[in-house]
N, C-alpha and C. Protein backbone atom coordinates (compact mmCIF):
# COMPACT_ATOMS: atom_id res chain seq x y z
N MET A 1 -17.08 1.46 44.58
CA MET A 1 -15.81 1.79 43.99
C MET A 1 -15.59 3.29 44.14
N GLU A 2 -14.38 3.64 44.50
CA GLU A 2 -14.07 5.05 44.74
C GLU A 2 -13.68 5.75 43.44
N ASN A 3 -13.99 7.00 43.39
CA ASN A 3 -13.62 7.82 42.25
C ASN A 3 -12.14 8.20 42.41
N PRO A 4 -11.28 7.85 41.44
CA PRO A 4 -9.85 8.15 41.60
C PRO A 4 -9.54 9.64 41.62
N PHE A 5 -10.43 10.46 41.04
CA PHE A 5 -10.19 11.90 41.05
C PHE A 5 -10.40 12.48 42.44
N GLU A 6 -11.34 11.92 43.18
CA GLU A 6 -11.63 12.44 44.52
C GLU A 6 -10.70 11.89 45.58
N SER A 7 -10.26 10.63 45.41
CA SER A 7 -9.44 10.01 46.46
C SER A 7 -7.95 10.29 46.30
N GLY A 8 -7.53 10.90 45.21
CA GLY A 8 -6.13 11.24 45.03
C GLY A 8 -5.32 10.14 44.37
N HIS A 9 -5.97 9.09 43.90
CA HIS A 9 -5.25 8.00 43.23
C HIS A 9 -4.87 8.33 41.79
N ILE A 10 -5.41 9.41 41.27
CA ILE A 10 -5.11 9.79 39.90
C ILE A 10 -3.63 10.09 39.73
N LYS A 11 -2.99 10.55 40.80
CA LYS A 11 -1.56 10.84 40.76
C LYS A 11 -0.77 9.57 40.42
N ASN A 12 -1.19 8.43 41.00
CA ASN A 12 -0.50 7.17 40.72
C ASN A 12 -0.67 6.75 39.26
N TYR A 13 -1.87 6.94 38.72
CA TYR A 13 -2.12 6.59 37.32
C TYR A 13 -1.30 7.46 36.38
N VAL A 14 -1.21 8.74 36.67
CA VAL A 14 -0.43 9.64 35.83
C VAL A 14 1.05 9.29 35.91
N LEU A 15 1.55 8.96 37.08
CA LEU A 15 2.95 8.56 37.23
C LEU A 15 3.24 7.26 36.48
N LEU A 16 2.33 6.31 36.54
CA LEU A 16 2.51 5.06 35.82
C LEU A 16 2.55 5.29 34.32
N TYR A 17 1.62 6.08 33.81
CA TYR A 17 1.58 6.37 32.38
C TYR A 17 2.83 7.13 31.94
N SER A 18 3.24 8.12 32.70
CA SER A 18 4.41 8.90 32.31
C SER A 18 5.68 8.06 32.39
N SER A 19 5.78 7.15 33.35
CA SER A 19 6.97 6.31 33.44
C SER A 19 7.04 5.35 32.25
N ILE A 20 5.91 4.85 31.79
CA ILE A 20 5.90 3.98 30.61
C ILE A 20 6.32 4.77 29.38
N VAL A 21 5.85 5.98 29.24
CA VAL A 21 6.23 6.82 28.09
C VAL A 21 7.71 7.14 28.13
N ILE A 22 8.24 7.44 29.30
CA ILE A 22 9.66 7.76 29.44
C ILE A 22 10.52 6.54 29.09
N ILE A 23 10.10 5.37 29.52
CA ILE A 23 10.85 4.14 29.20
C ILE A 23 10.84 3.90 27.70
N MET A 24 9.69 4.11 27.05
CA MET A 24 9.62 3.94 25.60
C MET A 24 10.54 4.92 24.88
N VAL A 25 10.58 6.15 25.33
CA VAL A 25 11.45 7.15 24.71
C VAL A 25 12.91 6.79 24.92
N LEU A 26 13.26 6.30 26.10
CA LEU A 26 14.65 5.90 26.36
C LEU A 26 15.07 4.73 25.49
N PHE A 27 14.18 3.75 25.31
CA PHE A 27 14.50 2.64 24.43
C PHE A 27 14.66 3.10 22.99
N PHE A 28 13.84 4.03 22.55
CA PHE A 28 13.97 4.56 21.19
C PHE A 28 15.30 5.27 21.01
N ILE A 29 15.69 6.06 21.98
CA ILE A 29 16.96 6.79 21.90
C ILE A 29 18.12 5.80 21.92
N ALA A 30 18.03 4.78 22.76
CA ALA A 30 19.11 3.80 22.85
C ALA A 30 19.26 3.02 21.55
N THR A 31 18.16 2.67 20.91
CA THR A 31 18.27 1.93 19.66
C THR A 31 18.82 2.79 18.54
N THR A 32 18.51 4.08 18.55
CA THR A 32 19.04 4.94 17.48
C THR A 32 20.51 5.26 17.71
N LEU A 33 20.95 5.35 18.95
CA LEU A 33 22.35 5.68 19.23
C LEU A 33 23.26 4.49 19.01
N PHE A 34 22.85 3.32 19.47
CA PHE A 34 23.73 2.15 19.45
C PHE A 34 23.50 1.24 18.26
N ASN A 35 22.68 1.64 17.32
CA ASN A 35 22.43 0.84 16.13
C ASN A 35 23.55 1.09 15.13
N GLU A 36 24.34 0.04 14.86
CA GLU A 36 25.43 0.18 13.90
C GLU A 36 24.90 -0.11 12.50
N VAL A 37 25.10 0.84 11.61
CA VAL A 37 24.64 0.66 10.24
C VAL A 37 25.72 -0.08 9.47
N LYS A 38 25.37 -1.26 8.96
CA LYS A 38 26.33 -2.06 8.21
C LYS A 38 26.28 -1.65 6.74
N SER A 39 27.45 -1.58 6.15
CA SER A 39 27.48 -1.25 4.72
C SER A 39 27.21 -2.53 3.93
N VAL A 40 26.30 -2.42 3.00
CA VAL A 40 25.91 -3.56 2.19
C VAL A 40 26.53 -3.41 0.81
N GLU A 41 27.23 -4.47 0.38
CA GLU A 41 27.85 -4.42 -0.93
C GLU A 41 26.78 -4.63 -2.01
N LYS A 42 26.93 -3.89 -3.08
CA LYS A 42 25.97 -4.01 -4.18
C LYS A 42 26.25 -5.29 -4.95
N LYS A 43 25.21 -6.08 -5.18
CA LYS A 43 25.37 -7.33 -5.91
C LYS A 43 25.25 -7.06 -7.40
N VAL A 44 26.18 -7.61 -8.14
CA VAL A 44 26.18 -7.46 -9.59
C VAL A 44 25.96 -8.85 -10.19
N PHE A 45 24.94 -8.98 -11.00
CA PHE A 45 24.62 -10.25 -11.61
C PHE A 45 25.17 -10.29 -13.03
N ASP A 46 25.67 -11.46 -13.40
CA ASP A 46 26.23 -11.65 -14.72
C ASP A 46 25.09 -11.78 -15.72
N THR A 47 25.00 -10.84 -16.64
CA THR A 47 23.92 -10.87 -17.62
C THR A 47 24.31 -11.62 -18.88
N ASN A 48 25.58 -11.92 -19.05
CA ASN A 48 26.03 -12.66 -20.23
C ASN A 48 25.91 -14.15 -19.94
N ILE A 49 25.08 -14.83 -20.72
CA ILE A 49 24.91 -16.27 -20.56
C ILE A 49 25.86 -16.95 -21.52
N THR A 50 26.85 -17.67 -20.97
CA THR A 50 27.84 -18.30 -21.83
C THR A 50 27.54 -19.77 -22.05
N ALA A 51 26.93 -20.44 -21.10
CA ALA A 51 26.68 -21.86 -21.24
C ALA A 51 25.34 -22.09 -21.93
N GLN A 52 25.32 -23.05 -22.85
CA GLN A 52 24.09 -23.40 -23.55
C GLN A 52 23.40 -24.51 -22.76
N THR A 53 22.09 -24.41 -22.67
CA THR A 53 21.35 -25.44 -21.94
C THR A 53 21.16 -26.65 -22.83
N ASP A 54 21.30 -27.80 -22.25
CA ASP A 54 21.14 -29.06 -22.97
C ASP A 54 19.69 -29.49 -22.93
N GLY A 55 19.17 -29.97 -24.04
CA GLY A 55 17.82 -30.48 -24.08
C GLY A 55 17.67 -31.76 -23.26
N THR A 56 18.77 -32.50 -23.11
CA THR A 56 18.71 -33.75 -22.35
C THR A 56 18.55 -33.48 -20.86
N LYS A 57 19.14 -32.41 -20.38
CA LYS A 57 18.99 -32.07 -18.96
C LYS A 57 17.54 -31.72 -18.65
N ILE A 58 16.91 -31.02 -19.56
CA ILE A 58 15.51 -30.64 -19.34
C ILE A 58 14.64 -31.89 -19.36
N ARG A 59 14.91 -32.82 -20.28
CA ARG A 59 14.12 -34.05 -20.34
C ARG A 59 14.30 -34.89 -19.09
N LYS A 60 15.51 -34.95 -18.56
CA LYS A 60 15.75 -35.70 -17.34
C LYS A 60 14.95 -35.12 -16.18
N ASN A 61 14.91 -33.80 -16.11
CA ASN A 61 14.14 -33.15 -15.05
C ASN A 61 12.65 -33.43 -15.20
N ILE A 62 12.15 -33.44 -16.44
CA ILE A 62 10.73 -33.73 -16.66
C ILE A 62 10.43 -35.17 -16.30
N ASP A 63 11.34 -36.09 -16.66
CA ASP A 63 11.14 -37.50 -16.32
C ASP A 63 11.15 -37.72 -14.82
N GLU A 64 12.02 -37.00 -14.11
CA GLU A 64 12.06 -37.13 -12.66
C GLU A 64 10.76 -36.65 -12.03
N VAL A 65 10.18 -35.61 -12.57
CA VAL A 65 8.92 -35.10 -12.04
C VAL A 65 7.80 -36.09 -12.32
N ASN A 66 7.78 -36.67 -13.51
CA ASN A 66 6.72 -37.59 -13.88
C ASN A 66 6.83 -38.94 -13.20
N SER A 67 7.99 -39.29 -12.70
CA SER A 67 8.17 -40.61 -12.08
C SER A 67 7.93 -40.55 -10.57
N SER A 68 7.07 -39.70 -10.13
CA SER A 68 6.79 -39.61 -8.70
C SER A 68 5.91 -40.78 -8.28
N GLN A 69 5.74 -40.97 -7.00
CA GLN A 69 4.97 -42.09 -6.49
C GLN A 69 3.47 -41.85 -6.59
N PHE A 70 3.05 -40.65 -6.91
CA PHE A 70 1.64 -40.34 -7.02
C PHE A 70 1.24 -40.27 -8.50
N LYS A 71 0.07 -40.77 -8.81
CA LYS A 71 -0.41 -40.74 -10.18
C LYS A 71 -1.71 -39.94 -10.22
N LEU A 72 -1.80 -39.06 -11.19
CA LEU A 72 -3.00 -38.26 -11.32
C LEU A 72 -4.09 -39.09 -11.99
N MET A 73 -5.32 -38.72 -11.72
CA MET A 73 -6.44 -39.44 -12.33
C MET A 73 -6.55 -39.08 -13.80
N ASP A 74 -7.02 -40.03 -14.60
CA ASP A 74 -7.14 -39.79 -16.04
C ASP A 74 -8.30 -38.86 -16.37
N SER A 75 -9.37 -38.94 -15.62
CA SER A 75 -10.52 -38.09 -15.92
C SER A 75 -10.79 -37.14 -14.76
N ARG A 76 -11.40 -36.01 -15.10
CA ARG A 76 -11.74 -35.03 -14.09
C ARG A 76 -13.21 -35.15 -13.74
N TYR A 77 -13.55 -34.76 -12.54
CA TYR A 77 -14.94 -34.79 -12.11
C TYR A 77 -15.47 -33.40 -11.91
């Protein structure tokens, strides 16, 4: 195998490395120039709770969970 420093091939390696760095810099510049910053509206959440929760709705949800097709074992091992 030849030594790249003696045969003059080091020039090709340096050109390859520098071209990759230049391409990366160009992509970085292109993304910063052409990146449109969208304005985001601030979300405001309603902190006043006006509706009262029904106890029957909660029981229905619990019954739906308990009526699944799988049954847990009565004892643990």
